[in-house]
Amino acid sequence: MSRYGTVEWLMNAYLKHSSFLERVAEFSRPDYKRVLDRVCDVF
């Protein structure tokens, strides 16, 4: 579980949000997750 207000928390919230689920094709979601995980590793 990520702390509230962190970049990691924001990315996890986005990945669960309906806008992500509606606009990103299912086969592209693992790529988004991988890239966002790398962004979180930087911060």
Protein backbone atom coordinates (compact mmCIF):
# COMPACT_ATOMS: atom_id res chain seq x y z
CA MET A 1 0.00 0.00 0.00
CA SER A 2 1.38 3.37 -0.97
CA ARG A 3 1.16 6.44 1.22
CA TYR A 4 -1.59 8.94 0.49
CA GLY A 5 -0.48 11.84 -1.69
CA THR A 6 2.62 10.22 -3.18
CA VAL A 7 3.29 9.75 -6.89
CA GLU A 8 2.88 6.01 -6.41
CA TRP A 9 -0.52 6.54 -4.77
CA LEU A 10 -1.59 8.79 -7.66
CA MET A 11 -0.54 6.24 -10.28
CA ASN A 12 -2.32 3.41 -8.45
CA ALA A 13 -5.48 5.50 -8.16
CA TYR A 14 -5.35 6.26 -11.89
CA LEU A 15 -4.90 2.60 -12.82
CA LYS A 16 -8.09 1.75 -10.90
CA HIS A 17 -10.12 4.72 -12.17
CA SER A 18 -12.84 4.26 -14.77
CA SER A 19 -11.21 6.76 -17.14
CA PHE A 20 -8.16 4.50 -17.41
CA LEU A 21 -10.25 1.36 -17.75
CA GLU A 22 -12.45 2.90 -20.46
CA ARG A 23 -9.73 4.62 -22.51
CA VAL A 24 -6.84 2.17 -22.42
CA ALA A 25 -7.20 -1.09 -24.28
CA GLU A 26 -6.84 -4.20 -22.17
CA PHE A 27 -3.77 -5.43 -24.07
CA SER A 28 -2.01 -2.08 -23.43
CA ARG A 29 -2.63 -1.98 -19.68
CA PRO A 30 0.41 -4.07 -18.68
CA ASP A 31 2.62 -1.67 -20.64
CA TYR A 32 1.09 1.32 -18.86
CA LYS A 33 1.57 -0.40 -15.51
CA ARG A 34 5.21 -1.19 -16.26
CA VAL A 35 5.98 2.37 -17.36
CA LEU A 36 4.20 3.93 -14.39
CA ASP A 37 6.07 1.59 -12.03
CA ARG A 38 9.33 2.83 -13.51
CA VAL A 39 8.22 6.44 -12.99
CA CYS A 40 7.40 5.66 -9.36
CA ASP A 41 10.84 4.09 -8.89
CA VAL A 42 12.43 7.41 -9.93
CA PHE A 43 10.42 9.41 -7.39
